N, C-alpha and C. Protein backbone atom coordinates (compact mmCIF):
# COMPACT_ATOMS: atom_id res chain seq x y z
N MET A 1 106.29 130.05 119.03
CA MET A 1 106.36 129.08 118.05
C MET A 1 107.88 128.94 117.30
N GLU A 2 108.36 128.07 117.41
CA GLU A 2 109.87 127.60 116.82
C GLU A 2 109.76 127.75 115.41
N ARG A 3 110.67 128.36 114.69
CA ARG A 3 110.81 128.43 113.19
C ARG A 3 111.68 127.12 112.84
N PRO A 4 111.19 126.53 111.81
CA PRO A 4 112.03 125.32 111.36
C PRO A 4 113.37 125.65 110.87
N GLN A 5 114.35 124.67 111.29
CA GLN A 5 115.92 124.71 110.75
C GLN A 5 115.85 123.39 110.02
N ALA A 6 117.12 123.45 109.21
CA ALA A 6 117.40 122.26 108.73
C ALA A 6 117.46 121.23 109.54
N GLY A 7 116.78 120.20 109.55
CA GLY A 7 116.69 119.05 110.47
C GLY A 7 116.19 119.30 111.73
N GLY A 8 115.40 120.62 111.84
CA GLY A 8 114.96 120.95 112.95
C GLY A 8 113.51 120.73 113.22
N ARG A 9 112.80 121.26 114.19
CA ARG A 9 111.34 120.97 114.55
C ARG A 9 110.45 121.69 113.86
N VAL A 10 109.16 121.17 113.60
CA VAL A 10 108.32 122.02 113.00
C VAL A 10 106.99 121.95 113.81
N PHE A 11 106.21 122.87 114.11
CA PHE A 11 105.02 122.57 115.05
C PHE A 11 103.59 122.86 114.21
N TYR A 12 102.67 122.30 114.45
CA TYR A 12 101.37 122.32 113.74
C TYR A 12 100.14 122.08 114.77
N LEU A 13 98.98 122.63 114.65
CA LEU A 13 98.13 122.18 115.52
C LEU A 13 97.00 121.43 114.57
N GLU A 14 96.43 120.51 115.13
CA GLU A 14 95.06 119.91 114.57
C GLU A 14 93.97 120.70 115.23
N GLY A 15 93.01 120.64 114.50
CA GLY A 15 91.74 121.39 114.78
C GLY A 15 91.13 121.21 116.32
N GLU A 16 91.20 119.91 116.57
CA GLU A 16 90.42 119.79 118.05
C GLU A 16 91.51 120.08 119.09
N GLU A 17 92.79 120.39 118.81
CA GLU A 17 93.72 120.85 119.89
C GLU A 17 93.97 122.34 119.77
N GLU A 18 93.32 122.92 118.77
CA GLU A 18 93.52 124.46 118.61
C GLU A 18 92.97 125.18 119.89
N GLU A 19 93.65 125.83 120.50
CA GLU A 19 93.12 126.73 121.76
C GLU A 19 92.37 128.04 121.33
N ASN A 20 92.63 128.57 120.20
CA ASN A 20 92.03 129.69 119.68
C ASN A 20 91.35 129.17 118.33
N PRO A 21 90.02 129.14 118.65
CA PRO A 21 89.16 128.73 117.42
C PRO A 21 89.11 129.55 116.19
N THR A 22 89.56 130.76 116.22
CA THR A 22 89.34 131.72 115.22
C THR A 22 90.69 131.45 114.37
N ALA A 23 91.73 130.85 114.67
CA ALA A 23 92.87 130.60 114.09
C ALA A 23 92.85 129.44 113.02
N THR A 24 91.81 128.72 113.06
CA THR A 24 91.64 127.70 112.13
C THR A 24 90.36 127.67 111.42
N ILE A 25 90.40 127.37 110.24
CA ILE A 25 89.14 127.19 109.30
C ILE A 25 89.31 125.73 108.55
N SER A 26 88.11 125.16 108.46
CA SER A 26 88.00 123.86 107.69
C SER A 26 87.11 124.10 106.48
N SER A 27 87.50 123.32 105.45
CA SER A 27 86.69 123.39 104.04
C SER A 27 86.87 122.26 103.34
N THR A 28 86.21 122.08 102.22
CA THR A 28 86.25 121.11 101.42
C THR A 28 87.01 121.75 99.88
N LEU A 29 88.33 121.23 99.52
CA LEU A 29 88.89 122.10 98.23
C LEU A 29 89.27 120.98 97.56
N ALA A 30 89.43 121.39 96.19
CA ALA A 30 90.10 120.47 95.33
C ALA A 30 91.66 120.59 95.13
N ILE A 31 92.11 119.46 95.59
CA ILE A 31 93.60 119.30 95.66
C ILE A 31 94.04 118.32 94.46
N ASN A 32 94.73 118.72 93.47
CA ASN A 32 95.11 117.87 92.42
C ASN A 32 93.84 117.21 91.80
N HIS A 33 92.80 117.99 91.75
CA HIS A 33 91.51 117.60 90.98
C HIS A 33 90.84 116.47 92.15
N LEU A 34 91.15 116.41 93.21
CA LEU A 34 90.39 115.47 94.23
C LEU A 34 89.90 116.48 95.30
N TYR A 35 88.75 116.05 95.97
CA TYR A 35 88.25 116.57 97.09
C TYR A 35 88.72 116.28 98.29
N ALA A 36 89.24 117.32 98.99
CA ALA A 36 89.98 117.08 100.35
C ALA A 36 89.35 117.85 101.48
N HIS A 37 89.10 117.18 102.62
CA HIS A 37 88.88 117.78 103.83
C HIS A 37 90.18 118.77 104.29
N VAL A 38 89.92 120.04 104.42
CA VAL A 38 91.40 120.73 104.56
C VAL A 38 90.98 121.74 105.66
N LEU A 39 92.09 121.66 106.64
CA LEU A 39 92.31 122.50 107.78
C LEU A 39 93.28 123.64 107.39
N PHE A 40 92.82 124.90 107.31
CA PHE A 40 93.60 126.02 107.26
C PHE A 40 94.15 126.42 108.76
N ASN A 41 95.44 126.27 108.87
CA ASN A 41 96.01 126.61 110.38
C ASN A 41 96.98 127.75 110.22
N SER A 42 96.56 128.97 110.72
CA SER A 42 97.37 130.18 110.87
C SER A 42 98.67 129.95 111.53
N CYS A 43 98.61 128.94 112.60
CA CYS A 43 99.73 128.60 113.33
C CYS A 43 100.89 127.76 112.65
N ALA A 44 100.42 126.96 111.82
CA ALA A 44 101.34 125.77 111.01
C ALA A 44 102.33 126.54 110.26
N THR A 45 103.52 125.97 110.39
CA THR A 45 104.59 126.61 109.62
C THR A 45 104.89 125.75 108.16
N HIS A 46 104.35 124.71 107.91
CA HIS A 46 104.10 123.97 106.74
C HIS A 46 102.79 123.59 106.43
N SER A 47 102.61 122.83 105.31
CA SER A 47 101.43 122.06 104.91
C SER A 47 101.83 120.83 104.84
N PHE A 48 100.56 120.05 105.31
CA PHE A 48 100.88 118.40 105.37
C PHE A 48 99.77 117.73 104.70
N VAL A 49 99.92 116.42 104.39
CA VAL A 49 98.93 115.69 103.69
C VAL A 49 99.01 114.32 104.54
N ASN A 50 97.87 113.73 104.87
CA ASN A 50 97.69 112.37 105.60
C ASN A 50 98.22 111.28 104.59
N LEU A 51 98.64 110.16 105.08
CA LEU A 51 98.99 108.99 104.35
C LEU A 51 97.89 108.52 103.47
N VAL A 52 96.75 108.46 103.82
CA VAL A 52 95.61 107.86 103.04
C VAL A 52 95.48 108.67 101.79
N PHE A 53 95.31 109.99 101.99
CA PHE A 53 95.05 110.99 100.86
C PHE A 53 96.35 111.24 99.94
N ALA A 54 97.43 110.96 100.69
CA ALA A 54 98.86 111.10 99.68
C ALA A 54 98.75 110.03 98.74
N LYS A 55 98.19 108.78 98.95
CA LYS A 55 98.27 107.52 98.08
C LYS A 55 97.30 107.85 96.69
N LYS A 56 96.35 108.96 96.97
CA LYS A 56 95.45 109.18 95.86
C LYS A 56 96.01 110.41 94.99
N LEU A 57 97.07 110.92 95.38
CA LEU A 57 97.72 112.19 94.83
C LEU A 57 98.24 111.59 93.37
N ALA A 58 98.17 112.14 92.34
CA ALA A 58 98.86 111.79 90.99
C ALA A 58 100.31 112.18 91.07
N SER A 59 100.61 113.02 91.87
CA SER A 59 102.27 113.33 91.99
C SER A 59 103.08 112.22 92.59
N LYS A 60 104.38 112.29 92.07
CA LYS A 60 105.17 111.35 92.69
C LYS A 60 106.00 111.98 93.80
N PRO A 61 106.13 111.27 94.90
CA PRO A 61 106.65 112.06 96.22
C PRO A 61 108.21 112.27 96.05
N ASP A 62 108.81 113.23 96.69
CA ASP A 62 110.17 113.45 96.52
C ASP A 62 110.63 113.44 98.06
N GLU A 63 112.03 113.08 98.17
CA GLU A 63 112.69 112.99 99.52
C GLU A 63 113.18 114.42 99.62
N MET A 64 112.89 114.95 100.96
CA MET A 64 113.47 116.25 101.31
C MET A 64 114.98 115.96 101.63
N ASP A 65 116.01 117.08 101.55
CA ASP A 65 117.18 117.04 102.12
C ASP A 65 117.30 116.81 103.55
N VAL A 66 116.37 117.22 104.37
CA VAL A 66 116.51 117.08 105.66
C VAL A 66 115.30 115.99 106.24
N GLN A 67 115.45 115.61 107.44
CA GLN A 67 114.33 115.03 107.98
C GLN A 67 113.69 116.01 109.06
N LEU A 68 112.13 115.99 108.99
CA LEU A 68 111.49 117.02 109.79
C LEU A 68 111.05 116.36 110.96
N TYR A 69 111.08 116.95 112.10
CA TYR A 69 110.48 116.51 113.50
C TYR A 69 109.28 117.51 113.50
N VAL A 70 107.94 116.90 113.64
CA VAL A 70 106.91 117.53 113.66
C VAL A 70 106.30 117.13 115.07
N THR A 71 106.05 118.41 115.90
CA THR A 71 105.42 118.20 117.22
C THR A 71 104.24 118.63 117.28
N THR A 72 103.35 118.01 117.78
CA THR A 72 101.97 118.67 118.22
C THR A 72 101.86 119.37 119.58
N PRO A 73 100.86 120.04 119.81
CA PRO A 73 100.86 120.52 121.36
C PRO A 73 100.78 119.64 122.26
N LEU A 74 100.02 118.39 122.05
CA LEU A 74 99.89 117.35 123.02
C LEU A 74 101.23 116.58 123.17
N GLY A 75 102.29 117.01 122.41
CA GLY A 75 103.79 116.34 122.65
C GLY A 75 103.80 115.16 121.70
N SER A 76 103.00 114.74 120.87
CA SER A 76 103.33 113.89 120.03
C SER A 76 104.43 114.21 118.91
N THR A 77 105.19 113.38 118.47
CA THR A 77 106.33 113.77 117.64
C THR A 77 106.42 112.91 116.42
N TYR A 78 106.36 113.43 115.26
CA TYR A 78 106.30 112.70 114.02
C TYR A 78 107.67 113.02 113.23
N TYR A 79 108.14 111.84 112.48
CA TYR A 79 109.39 112.26 111.72
C TYR A 79 108.97 112.14 110.08
N THR A 80 109.30 112.87 109.38
CA THR A 80 109.06 112.70 108.01
C THR A 80 110.17 113.23 107.03
N ASN A 81 110.44 112.77 105.82
CA ASN A 81 111.27 113.51 104.78
C ASN A 81 110.58 113.37 103.39
N ILE A 82 109.07 113.05 103.36
CA ILE A 82 108.45 112.91 102.08
C ILE A 82 107.69 114.07 101.84
N VAL A 83 107.83 114.82 100.65
CA VAL A 83 107.02 115.86 100.27
C VAL A 83 106.43 115.69 98.86
N PHE A 84 105.04 116.10 98.58
CA PHE A 84 104.76 116.34 97.27
C PHE A 84 104.68 117.58 96.96
N LYS A 85 105.39 117.89 96.01
CA LYS A 85 105.82 119.14 95.46
C LYS A 85 104.68 119.68 94.34
N SER A 86 104.54 120.94 94.55
CA SER A 86 103.57 121.71 93.70
C SER A 86 102.22 121.10 93.38
N CYS A 87 101.58 120.68 94.42
CA CYS A 87 100.31 120.16 94.35
C CYS A 87 99.39 121.25 93.93
N THR A 88 98.20 121.09 93.16
CA THR A 88 97.55 122.42 92.87
C THR A 88 96.21 122.50 93.69
N ILE A 89 95.92 123.55 94.35
CA ILE A 89 94.88 123.94 95.18
C ILE A 89 93.99 124.77 94.53
N LYS A 90 92.72 124.44 94.24
CA LYS A 90 91.77 125.44 93.77
C LYS A 90 90.89 126.11 94.72
N LEU A 91 91.10 127.36 94.83
CA LEU A 91 90.50 128.22 95.90
C LEU A 91 89.80 129.44 95.30
N GLU A 92 88.46 129.53 95.52
CA GLU A 92 88.02 130.77 94.93
C GLU A 92 88.20 131.22 93.41
N GLY A 93 88.44 129.96 92.58
CA GLY A 93 88.66 130.21 91.25
C GLY A 93 89.99 130.39 90.71
N ARG A 94 91.02 130.41 91.77
CA ARG A 94 92.36 130.45 91.72
C ARG A 94 93.06 129.29 91.92
N VAL A 95 94.04 128.99 91.19
CA VAL A 95 94.75 127.66 91.42
C VAL A 95 96.34 127.91 91.89
N LEU A 96 96.51 127.55 93.15
CA LEU A 96 97.73 127.92 93.92
C LEU A 96 98.57 126.67 94.12
N PRO A 97 99.86 126.79 93.89
CA PRO A 97 100.55 125.56 94.22
C PRO A 97 101.08 125.40 95.69
N ALA A 98 101.16 124.25 96.29
CA ALA A 98 101.60 123.78 97.56
C ALA A 98 102.35 122.66 97.69
N ASP A 99 103.54 122.62 98.45
CA ASP A 99 104.37 121.61 98.67
C ASP A 99 103.75 120.90 99.93
N LEU A 100 103.14 119.78 99.87
CA LEU A 100 102.60 118.92 100.91
C LEU A 100 103.31 117.91 101.54
N ILE A 101 103.79 118.03 102.82
CA ILE A 101 104.53 117.09 103.36
C ILE A 101 103.66 115.96 104.12
N GLN A 102 104.06 114.71 103.78
CA GLN A 102 103.35 113.72 104.12
C GLN A 102 103.62 113.27 105.64
N LEU A 103 102.33 113.16 106.45
CA LEU A 103 102.58 112.96 107.84
C LEU A 103 101.43 112.33 108.27
N ASP A 104 101.49 111.41 109.28
CA ASP A 104 100.64 110.61 109.89
C ASP A 104 99.37 111.35 110.72
N ILE A 105 98.76 112.46 110.05
CA ILE A 105 97.85 113.15 110.58
C ILE A 105 96.56 112.56 110.73
N GLN A 106 95.62 112.97 111.75
CA GLN A 106 94.27 112.20 111.71
C GLN A 106 93.17 113.34 111.63
N GLY A 107 92.23 112.99 111.00
CA GLY A 107 91.03 113.89 111.13
C GLY A 107 90.79 114.71 110.02
N TRP A 108 92.04 114.83 109.25
CA TRP A 108 92.10 115.89 108.02
C TRP A 108 92.72 115.22 106.83
N ASP A 109 92.44 115.66 105.66
CA ASP A 109 93.11 115.03 104.60
C ASP A 109 94.38 116.14 104.11
N ILE A 110 94.30 117.47 104.37
CA ILE A 110 95.38 118.22 104.19
C ILE A 110 95.26 119.24 105.38
N ILE A 111 96.45 119.64 106.00
CA ILE A 111 96.58 120.85 106.80
C ILE A 111 97.18 121.94 105.91
N LEU A 112 96.75 123.01 105.76
CA LEU A 112 97.61 124.08 105.05
C LEU A 112 97.89 125.12 106.05
N GLY A 113 99.10 125.34 105.95
CA GLY A 113 99.93 126.17 107.08
C GLY A 113 99.74 127.57 106.17
N MET A 114 99.49 128.46 107.26
CA MET A 114 99.15 129.97 106.68
C MET A 114 100.33 130.94 107.13
N ASP A 115 101.32 130.40 107.69
CA ASP A 115 102.49 131.16 108.30
C ASP A 115 103.30 131.75 107.24
């Protein structure tokens, strides 16, 4: 797996593409007080939010200093520079911050990178 560089590539896996089913877990979590269908991905280098769910977030998006090129294992490449900073994730009674990068992902509201 390639590590992201400024203006470099980022890799993530969607659940149905994952070769090792033990590397991903899905759940419903509260993100900014909204329930989201979340994929935990131990192979993802960043965390992502899909376009539809991003519109529901109460936070204002920011532009990143670099444009990210995100490539899936199937070869699709997405470009983005939009991030929702310090979104709150409620997990097991704990509140955790996460920066969520807006991306045209399908099947999940959020992909949380665990790298």
